[in-house]
């Protein structure tokens, strides 16, 4: 045995309502959550805008990386900015 505990496969949930119903009675200790990845939720309203020009190849690369991460490229740019600011502290 490799030390991993195998549990039930987590069901595919198609809506928030499905998730709420599942979680209301589920014992999550029975499920294999090892493949889950942390998720960052954006709650703060985005009201300020910026407009900047960048080389087209840079924007293409940003869009490709964001697509690979399965997130909108504008969210990816925000994440990059936030990470850069955290390093500045």
PDB file of N, CA and C in Angstrom:
ATOM      1  N   UNK A   1       0.848  -1.193   0.000  1.00  0.00           N
ATOM      2  CA  UNK A   1       0.000   0.000   0.000  1.00  0.00           C
ATOM      3  C   UNK A   1       0.881   1.240   0.000  1.00  0.00           C
ATOM      4  N   UNK A   2       0.512   2.254  -0.756  1.00  0.00           N
ATOM      5  CA  UNK A   2       1.350   3.433  -0.910  1.00  0.00           C
ATOM      6  C   UNK A   2       1.013   4.552   0.067  1.00  0.00           C
ATOM      7  N   UNK A   3       0.167   4.315   1.053  1.00  0.00           N
ATOM      8  CA  UNK A   3      -0.165   5.334   2.031  1.00  0.00           C
ATOM      9  C   UNK A   3      -1.352   6.196   1.647  1.00  0.00           C
ATOM     10  N   UNK A   4      -1.840   6.068   0.431  1.00  0.00           N
ATOM     11  CA  UNK A   4      -3.002   6.846  -0.001  1.00  0.00           C
ATOM     12  C   UNK A   4      -4.277   6.114   0.384  1.00  0.00           C
ATOM     13  N   UNK A   5      -5.207   6.846   0.894  1.00  0.00           N
ATOM     14  CA  UNK A   5      -6.509   6.283   1.219  1.00  0.00           C
ATOM     15  C   UNK A   5      -7.431   6.569   0.050  1.00  0.00           C
ATOM     16  N   UNK A   6      -7.981   5.520  -0.505  1.00  0.00           N
ATOM     17  CA  UNK A   6      -8.900   5.699  -1.627  1.00  0.00           C
ATOM     18  C   UNK A   6     -10.307   5.841  -1.074  1.00  0.00           C
ATOM     19  N   UNK A   7     -11.020   6.814  -1.583  1.00  0.00           N
ATOM     20  CA  UNK A   7     -12.398   7.017  -1.183  1.00  0.00           C
ATOM     21  C   UNK A   7     -13.288   6.998  -2.399  1.00  0.00           C
ATOM     22  N   UNK A   8     -14.529   7.294  -2.155  1.00  0.00           N
ATOM     23  CA  UNK A   8     -15.483   7.379  -3.257  1.00  0.00           C
ATOM     24  C   UNK A   8     -15.098   8.509  -4.195  1.00  0.00           C
ATOM     25  N   UNK A   9     -15.425   8.335  -5.464  1.00  0.00           N
ATOM     26  CA  UNK A   9     -15.223   9.422  -6.421  1.00  0.00           C
ATOM     27  C   UNK A   9     -16.230  10.514  -6.110  1.00  0.00           C
ATOM     28  N   UNK A  10     -15.795  11.754  -6.198  1.00  0.00           N
ATOM     29  CA  UNK A  10     -16.669  12.886  -5.920  1.00  0.00           C
ATOM     30  C   UNK A  10     -17.648  13.024  -7.076  1.00  0.00           C
ATOM     31  N   UNK A  11     -18.937  13.179  -6.798  1.00  0.00           N
ATOM     32  CA  UNK A  11     -19.921  13.269  -7.885  1.00  0.00           C
ATOM     33  C   UNK A  11     -19.792  14.575  -8.668  1.00  0.00           C
ATOM     34  N   UNK A  12     -20.189  14.531  -9.923  1.00  0.00           N
ATOM     35  CA  UNK A  12     -20.223  15.747 -10.751  1.00  0.00           C
ATOM     36  C   UNK A  12     -21.505  16.500 -10.393  1.00  0.00           C
ATOM     37  N   UNK A  13     -21.348  17.747  -9.997  1.00  0.00           N
ATOM     38  CA  UNK A  13     -22.482  18.574  -9.601  1.00  0.00           C
ATOM     39  C   UNK A  13     -22.686  19.640 -10.657  1.00  0.00           C
ATOM     40  N   UNK A  14     -23.911  19.746 -11.175  1.00  0.00           N
ATOM     41  CA  UNK A  14     -24.172  20.614 -12.318  1.00  0.00           C
ATOM     42  C   UNK A  14     -24.666  22.005 -11.950  1.00  0.00           C
ATOM     43  N   UNK A  15     -24.998  22.218 -10.690  1.00  0.00           N
ATOM     44  CA  UNK A  15     -25.519  23.533 -10.306  1.00  0.00           C
ATOM     45  C   UNK A  15     -25.208  23.800  -8.839  1.00  0.00           C
ATOM     46  N   UNK A  16     -25.354  25.045  -8.440  1.00  0.00           N
ATOM     47  CA  UNK A  16     -25.190  25.400  -7.029  1.00  0.00           C
ATOM     48  C   UNK A  16     -26.204  24.641  -6.175  1.00  0.00           C
ATOM     49  N   UNK A  17     -27.418  24.516  -6.692  1.00  0.00           N
ATOM     50  CA  UNK A  17     -28.453  23.800  -5.934  1.00  0.00           C
ATOM     51  C   UNK A  17     -28.048  22.335  -5.709  1.00  0.00           C
ATOM     52  N   UNK A  18     -27.530  21.688  -6.765  1.00  0.00           N
ATOM     53  CA  UNK A  18     -27.049  20.308  -6.624  1.00  0.00           C
ATOM     54  C   UNK A  18     -25.962  20.226  -5.555  1.00  0.00           C
ATOM     55  N   UNK A  19     -25.050  21.182  -5.570  1.00  0.00           N
ATOM     56  CA  UNK A  19     -23.951  21.195  -4.600  1.00  0.00           C
ATOM     57  C   UNK A  19     -24.485  21.385  -3.186  1.00  0.00           C
ATOM     58  N   UNK A  20     -25.418  22.311  -3.009  1.00  0.00           N
ATOM     59  CA  UNK A  20     -25.985  22.547  -1.680  1.00  0.00           C
ATOM     60  C   UNK A  20     -26.700  21.312  -1.161  1.00  0.00           C
ATOM     61  N   UNK A  21     -27.481  20.663  -2.025  1.00  0.00           N
ATOM     62  CA  UNK A  21     -28.194  19.450  -1.610  1.00  0.00           C
ATOM     63  C   UNK A  21     -27.224  18.338  -1.253  1.00  0.00           C
ATOM     64  N   UNK A  22     -26.186  18.170  -2.062  1.00  0.00           N
ATOM     65  CA  UNK A  22     -25.198  17.133  -1.790  1.00  0.00           C
ATOM     66  C   UNK A  22     -24.490  17.396  -0.470  1.00  0.00           C
ATOM     67  N   UNK A  23     -24.025  18.638  -0.268  1.00  0.00           N
ATOM     68  CA  UNK A  23     -23.258  18.962   0.931  1.00  0.00           C
ATOM     69  C   UNK A  23     -24.094  18.962   2.202  1.00  0.00           C
ATOM     70  N   UNK A  24     -25.401  19.143   2.079  1.00  0.00           N
ATOM     71  CA  UNK A  24     -26.246  19.169   3.274  1.00  0.00           C
ATOM     72  C   UNK A  24     -26.274  17.824   3.989  1.00  0.00           C
ATOM     73  N   UNK A  25     -26.008  16.741   3.266  1.00  0.00           N
ATOM     74  CA  UNK A  25     -26.064  15.436   3.925  1.00  0.00           C
ATOM     75  C   UNK A  25     -24.841  14.575   3.701  1.00  0.00           C
ATOM     76  N   UNK A  26     -23.833  15.081   3.047  1.00  0.00           N
ATOM     77  CA  UNK A  26     -22.666  14.265   2.696  1.00  0.00           C
ATOM     78  C   UNK A  26     -21.655  14.211   3.830  1.00  0.00           C
ATOM     79  N   UNK A  27     -21.012  13.071   3.960  1.00  0.00           N
ATOM     80  CA  UNK A  27     -19.873  12.908   4.848  1.00  0.00           C
ATOM     81  C   UNK A  27     -18.637  12.953   3.958  1.00  0.00           C
ATOM     82  N   UNK A  28     -17.974  14.105   3.907  1.00  0.00           N
ATOM     83  CA  UNK A  28     -16.868  14.302   2.975  1.00  0.00           C
ATOM     84  C   UNK A  28     -15.658  13.436   3.287  1.00  0.00           C
ATOM     85  N   UNK A  29     -15.602  12.853   4.484  1.00  0.00           N
ATOM     86  CA  UNK A  29     -14.474  11.980   4.815  1.00  0.00           C
ATOM     87  C   UNK A  29     -14.502  10.693   3.994  1.00  0.00           C
ATOM     88  N   UNK A  30     -15.618  10.401   3.351  1.00  0.00           N
ATOM     89  CA  UNK A  30     -15.740   9.191   2.535  1.00  0.00           C
ATOM     90  C   UNK A  30     -15.221   9.380   1.116  1.00  0.00           C
ATOM     91  N   UNK A  31     -14.891  10.602   0.748  1.00  0.00           N
ATOM     92  CA  UNK A  31     -14.542  10.906  -0.640  1.00  0.00           C
ATOM     93  C   UNK A  31     -13.058  11.164  -0.810  1.00  0.00           C
ATOM     94  N   UNK A  32     -12.564  10.820  -1.992  1.00  0.00           N
ATOM     95  CA  UNK A  32     -11.181  11.077  -2.361  1.00  0.00           C
ATOM     96  C   UNK A  32     -11.102  12.501  -2.902  1.00  0.00           C
ATOM     97  N   UNK A  33     -10.572  13.411  -2.100  1.00  0.00           N
ATOM     98  CA  UNK A  33     -10.468  14.821  -2.486  1.00  0.00           C
ATOM     99  C   UNK A  33      -9.045  15.185  -2.892  1.00  0.00           C
ATOM    100  N   UNK A  34      -8.196  14.189  -3.133  1.00  0.00           N
ATOM    101  CA  UNK A  34      -6.787  14.435  -3.423  1.00  0.00           C
ATOM    102  C   UNK A  34      -6.561  15.191  -4.733  1.00  0.00           C
ATOM    103  N   UNK A  35      -7.504  15.126  -5.642  1.00  0.00           N
ATOM    104  CA  UNK A  35      -7.359  15.815  -6.929  1.00  0.00           C
ATOM    105  C   UNK A  35      -7.909  17.237  -6.894  1.00  0.00           C
ATOM    106  N   UNK A  36      -8.521  17.622  -5.784  1.00  0.00           N
ATOM    107  CA  UNK A  36      -9.062  18.974  -5.692  1.00  0.00           C
ATOM    108  C   UNK A  36      -7.930  19.991  -5.674  1.00  0.00           C
ATOM    109  N   UNK A  37      -8.183  21.140  -6.259  1.00  0.00           N
ATOM    110  CA  UNK A  37      -7.201  22.219  -6.292  1.00  0.00           C
ATOM    111  C   UNK A  37      -7.808  23.442  -5.630  1.00  0.00           C
ATOM    112  N   UNK A  38      -6.972  24.242  -4.950  1.00  0.00           N
ATOM    113  CA  UNK A  38      -7.503  25.458  -4.321  1.00  0.00           C
ATOM    114  C   UNK A  38      -8.125  26.383  -5.364  1.00  0.00           C
ATOM    115  N   UNK A  39      -9.153  27.067  -4.953  1.00  0.00           N
ATOM    116  CA  UNK A  39      -9.865  27.971  -5.856  1.00  0.00           C
ATOM    117  C   UNK A  39      -9.948  29.330  -5.195  1.00  0.00           C
ATOM    118  N   UNK A  40      -9.622  30.347  -5.930  1.00  0.00           N
ATOM    119  CA  UNK A  40      -9.751  31.711  -5.423  1.00  0.00           C
ATOM    120  C   UNK A  40     -11.018  32.331  -5.990  1.00  0.00           C
ATOM    121  N   UNK A  41     -11.841  32.848  -5.106  1.00  0.00           N
ATOM    122  CA  UNK A  41     -13.065  33.502  -5.524  1.00  0.00           C
ATOM    123  C   UNK A  41     -12.869  35.002  -5.449  1.00  0.00           C
ATOM    124  N   UNK A  42     -13.422  35.700  -6.402  1.00  0.00           N
ATOM    125  CA  UNK A  42     -13.308  37.153  -6.437  1.00  0.00           C
ATOM    126  C   UNK A  42     -14.640  37.759  -6.025  1.00  0.00           C
ATOM    127  N   UNK A  43     -14.679  38.317  -4.818  1.00  0.00           N
ATOM    128  CA  UNK A  43     -15.911  38.868  -4.291  1.00  0.00           C
ATOM    129  C   UNK A  43     -16.001  40.382  -4.451  1.00  0.00           C
ATOM    130  N   UNK A  44     -14.859  41.034  -4.474  1.00  0.00           N
ATOM    131  CA  UNK A  44     -14.847  42.490  -4.533  1.00  0.00           C
ATOM    132  C   UNK A  44     -15.295  42.971  -5.909  1.00  0.00           C
ATOM    133  N   UNK A  45     -16.157  43.967  -5.924  1.00  0.00           N
ATOM    134  CA  UNK A  45     -16.646  44.516  -7.190  1.00  0.00           C
ATOM    135  C   UNK A  45     -15.500  45.145  -7.969  1.00  0.00           C
ATOM    136  N   UNK A  46     -15.534  44.943  -9.261  1.00  0.00           N
ATOM    137  CA  UNK A  46     -14.513  45.529 -10.134  1.00  0.00           C
ATOM    138  C   UNK A  46     -15.117  46.738 -10.827  1.00  0.00           C
ATOM    139  N   UNK A  47     -14.792  47.913 -10.318  1.00  0.00           N
ATOM    140  CA  UNK A  47     -15.384  49.125 -10.872  1.00  0.00           C
ATOM    141  C   UNK A  47     -14.350  50.027 -11.533  1.00  0.00           C
ATOM    142  N   UNK A  48     -13.092  49.920 -11.096  1.00  0.00           N
ATOM    143  CA  UNK A  48     -12.040  50.743 -11.693  1.00  0.00           C
ATOM    144  C   UNK A  48     -11.552  50.072 -12.975  1.00  0.00           C
ATOM    145  N   UNK A  49     -11.209  50.898 -13.958  1.00  0.00           N
ATOM    146  CA  UNK A  49     -10.744  50.371 -15.245  1.00  0.00           C
ATOM    147  C   UNK A  49      -9.345  50.887 -15.523  1.00  0.00           C
ATOM    148  N   UNK A  50      -8.609  50.083 -16.259  1.00  0.00           N
ATOM    149  CA  UNK A  50      -7.336  50.551 -16.787  1.00  0.00           C
ATOM    150  C   UNK A  50      -7.325  50.272 -18.286  1.00  0.00           C
ATOM    151  N   UNK A  51      -6.560  51.055 -18.990  1.00  0.00           N
ATOM    152  CA  UNK A  51      -6.413  50.850 -20.421  1.00  0.00           C
ATOM    153  C   UNK A  51      -4.925  50.969 -20.705  1.00  0.00           C
ATOM    154  N   UNK A  52      -4.349  49.936 -21.253  1.00  0.00           N
ATOM    155  CA  UNK A  52      -2.924  49.990 -21.544  1.00  0.00           C
ATOM    156  C   UNK A  52      -2.626  49.263 -22.843  1.00  0.00           C
ATOM    157  N   UNK A  53      -1.597  49.696 -23.484  1.00  0.00           N
ATOM    158  CA  UNK A  53      -1.168  49.057 -24.720  1.00  0.00           C
ATOM    159  C   UNK A  53       0.001  48.137 -24.417  1.00  0.00           C
ATOM    160  N   UNK A  54      -0.066  46.946 -24.971  1.00  0.00           N
ATOM    161  CA  UNK A  54       1.013  45.965 -24.812  1.00  0.00           C
ATOM    162  C   UNK A  54       1.301  45.357 -26.181  1.00  0.00           C
ATOM    163  N   UNK A  55       2.478  44.791 -26.348  1.00  0.00           N
ATOM    164  CA  UNK A  55       2.757  44.125 -27.614  1.00  0.00           C
ATOM    165  C   UNK A  55       1.771  42.968 -27.839  1.00  0.00           C
ATOM    166  N   UNK A  56       1.371  42.797 -29.062  1.00  0.00           N
ATOM    167  CA  UNK A  56       0.377  41.763 -29.378  1.00  0.00           C
ATOM    168  C   UNK A  56       0.840  40.376 -28.962  1.00  0.00           C
ATOM    169  N   UNK A  57       2.146  40.093 -29.130  1.00  0.00           N
ATOM    170  CA  UNK A  57       2.621  38.761 -28.745  1.00  0.00           C
ATOM    171  C   UNK A  57       2.538  38.544 -27.235  1.00  0.00           C
ATOM    172  N   UNK A  58       2.692  39.600 -26.439  1.00  0.00           N
ATOM    173  CA  UNK A  58       2.536  39.486 -24.993  1.00  0.00           C
ATOM    174  C   UNK A  58       1.084  39.164 -24.641  1.00  0.00           C
ATOM    175  N   UNK A  59       0.159  39.884 -25.236  1.00  0.00           N
ATOM    176  CA  UNK A  59      -1.258  39.624 -24.973  1.00  0.00           C
ATOM    177  C   UNK A  59      -1.646  38.221 -25.431  1.00  0.00           C
ATOM    178  N   UNK A  60      -1.136  37.788 -26.578  1.00  0.00           N
ATOM    179  CA  UNK A  60      -1.424  36.433 -27.058  1.00  0.00           C
ATOM    180  C   UNK A  60      -0.937  35.384 -26.057  1.00  0.00           C
ATOM    181  N   UNK A  61       0.262  35.610 -25.511  1.00  0.00           N
ATOM    182  CA  UNK A  61       0.818  34.665 -24.522  1.00  0.00           C
ATOM    183  C   UNK A  61      -0.023  34.664 -23.251  1.00  0.00           C
ATOM    184  N   UNK A  62      -0.412  35.845 -22.785  1.00  0.00           N
ATOM    185  CA  UNK A  62      -1.264  35.944 -21.592  1.00  0.00           C
ATOM    186  C   UNK A  62      -2.571  35.185 -21.823  1.00  0.00           C
ATOM    187  N   UNK A  63      -3.180  35.399 -22.970  1.00  0.00           N
ATOM    188  CA  UNK A  63      -4.438  34.713 -23.277  1.00  0.00           C
ATOM    189  C   UNK A  63      -4.252  33.202 -23.330  1.00  0.00           C
ATOM    190  N   UNK A  64      -3.124  32.746 -23.872  1.00  0.00           N
ATOM    191  CA  UNK A  64      -2.890  31.306 -23.957  1.00  0.00           C
ATOM    192  C   UNK A  64      -2.694  30.686 -22.575  1.00  0.00           C
ATOM    193  N   UNK A  65      -1.903  31.350 -21.737  1.00  0.00           N
ATOM    194  CA  UNK A  65      -1.690  30.834 -20.382  1.00  0.00           C
ATOM    195  C   UNK A  65      -3.006  30.808 -19.621  1.00  0.00           C
ATOM    196  N   UNK A  66      -3.794  31.874 -19.739  1.00  0.00           N
ATOM    197  CA  UNK A  66      -5.098  31.924 -19.068  1.00  0.00           C
ATOM    198  C   UNK A  66      -6.009  30.804 -19.571  1.00  0.00           C
ATOM    199  N   UNK A  67      -5.996  30.565 -20.870  1.00  0.00           N
ATOM    200  CA  UNK A  67      -6.811  29.488 -21.440  1.00  0.00           C
ATOM    201  C   UNK A  67      -6.374  28.135 -20.873  1.00  0.00           C
ATOM    202  N   UNK A  68      -5.055  27.932 -20.764  1.00  0.00           N
ATOM    203  CA  UNK A  68      -4.538  26.684 -20.188  1.00  0.00           C
ATOM    204  C   UNK A  68      -4.984  26.519 -18.741  1.00  0.00           C
ATOM    205  N   UNK A  69      -5.082  27.642 -18.026  1.00  0.00           N
ATOM    206  CA  UNK A  69      -5.528  27.610 -16.630  1.00  0.00           C
ATOM    207  C   UNK A  69      -7.052  27.590 -16.510  1.00  0.00           C
ATOM    208  N   UNK A  70      -7.721  27.736 -17.648  1.00  0.00           N
ATOM    209  CA  UNK A  70      -9.188  27.731 -17.716  1.00  0.00           C
ATOM    210  C   UNK A  70      -9.797  28.889 -16.927  1.00  0.00           C
ATOM    211  N   UNK A  71      -9.184  30.063 -17.080  1.00  0.00           N
ATOM    212  CA  UNK A  71      -9.722  31.272 -16.464  1.00  0.00           C
ATOM    213  C   UNK A  71      -9.708  32.385 -17.505  1.00  0.00           C
ATOM    214  N   UNK A  72     -10.557  33.394 -17.339  1.00  0.00           N
ATOM    215  CA  UNK A  72     -10.522  34.536 -18.262  1.00  0.00           C
ATOM    216  C   UNK A  72      -9.168  35.255 -18.181  1.00  0.00           C
ATOM    217  N   UNK A  73      -8.713  35.774 -19.309  1.00  0.00           N
ATOM    218  CA  UNK A  73      -7.388  36.399 -19.309  1.00  0.00           C
ATOM    219  C   UNK A  73      -7.340  37.648 -18.445  1.00  0.00           C
ATOM    220  N   UNK A  74      -8.445  38.357 -18.298  1.00  0.00           N
ATOM    221  CA  UNK A  74      -8.436  39.533 -17.429  1.00  0.00           C
ATOM    222  C   UNK A  74      -8.239  39.132 -15.970  1.00  0.00           C
ATOM    223  N   UNK A  75      -8.825  38.010 -15.568  1.00  0.00           N
ATOM    224  CA  UNK A  75      -8.615  37.511 -14.200  1.00  0.00           C
ATOM    225  C   UNK A  75      -7.151  37.118 -14.029  1.00  0.00           C
ATOM    226  N   UNK A  76      -6.569  36.494 -15.047  1.00  0.00           N
ATOM    227  CA  UNK A  76      -5.164  36.104 -14.975  1.00  0.00           C
ATOM    228  C   UNK A  76      -4.270  37.339 -14.816  1.00  0.00           C
ATOM    229  N   UNK A  77      -4.565  38.391 -15.541  1.00  0.00           N
ATOM    230  CA  UNK A  77      -3.786  39.628 -15.408  1.00  0.00           C
ATOM    231  C   UNK A  77      -3.911  40.172 -13.986  1.00  0.00           C
ATOM    232  N   UNK A  78      -5.132  40.156 -13.420  1.00  0.00           N
ATOM    233  CA  UNK A  78      -5.312  40.608 -12.031  1.00  0.00           C
ATOM    234  C   UNK A  78      -4.485  39.754 -11.083  1.00  0.00           C
ATOM    235  N   UNK A  79      -4.474  38.444 -11.299  1.00  0.00           N
ATOM    236  CA  UNK A  79      -3.692  37.554 -10.437  1.00  0.00           C
ATOM    237  C   UNK A  79      -2.202  37.886 -10.515  1.00  0.00           C
ATOM    238  N   UNK A  80      -1.720  38.155 -11.727  1.00  0.00           N
ATOM    239  CA  UNK A  80      -0.314  38.526 -11.889  1.00  0.00           C
ATOM    240  C   UNK A  80       0.002  39.826 -11.140  1.00  0.00           C
ATOM    241  N   UNK A  81      -0.890  40.804 -11.264  1.00  0.00           N
ATOM    242  CA  UNK A  81      -0.688  42.079 -10.575  1.00  0.00           C
ATOM    243  C   UNK A  81      -0.697  41.892  -9.057  1.00  0.00           C
ATOM    244  N   UNK A  82      -1.643  41.111  -8.552  1.00  0.00           N
ATOM    245  CA  UNK A  82      -1.729  40.865  -7.113  1.00  0.00           C
ATOM    246  C   UNK A  82      -0.484  40.144  -6.603  1.00  0.00           C
ATOM    247  N   UNK A  83       0.000  39.152  -7.357  1.00  0.00           N
ATOM    248  CA  UNK A  83       1.202  38.411  -6.953  1.00  0.00           C
ATOM    249  C   UNK A  83       2.416  39.330  -6.938  1.00  0.00           C
ATOM    250  N   UNK A  84       2.525  40.202  -7.924  1.00  0.00           N
ATOM    251  CA  UNK A  84       3.644  41.138  -7.969  1.00  0.00           C
ATOM    252  C   UNK A  84       3.611  42.099  -6.770  1.00  0.00           C
ATOM    253  N   UNK A  85       2.426  42.550  -6.404  1.00  0.00           N
ATOM    254  CA  UNK A  85       2.297  43.469  -5.275  1.00  0.00           C
ATOM    255  C   UNK A  85       2.604  42.770  -3.950  1.00  0.00           C
ATOM    256  N   UNK A  86       2.261  41.496  -3.820  1.00  0.00           N
ATOM    257  CA  UNK A  86       2.573  40.753  -2.603  1.00  0.00           C
ATOM    258  C   UNK A  86       4.087  40.642  -2.421  1.00  0.00           C
ATOM    259  N   UNK A  87       4.811  40.469  -3.524  1.00  0.00           N
ATOM    260  CA  UNK A  87       6.272  40.380  -3.463  1.00  0.00           C
ATOM    261  C   UNK A  87       6.903  41.686  -3.006  1.00  0.00           C
ATOM    262  N   UNK A  88       6.232  42.795  -3.268  1.00  0.00           N
ATOM    263  CA  UNK A  88       6.757  44.116  -2.929  1.00  0.00           C
ATOM    264  C   UNK A  88       6.685  44.420  -1.428  1.00  0.00           C
ATOM    265  N   UNK A  89       5.924  43.663  -0.704  1.00  0.00           N
ATOM    266  CA  UNK A  89       5.757  43.932   0.752  1.00  0.00           C
ATOM    267  C   UNK A  89       7.033  43.712   1.496  1.00  0.00           C
TER     268      UNK A  89
END
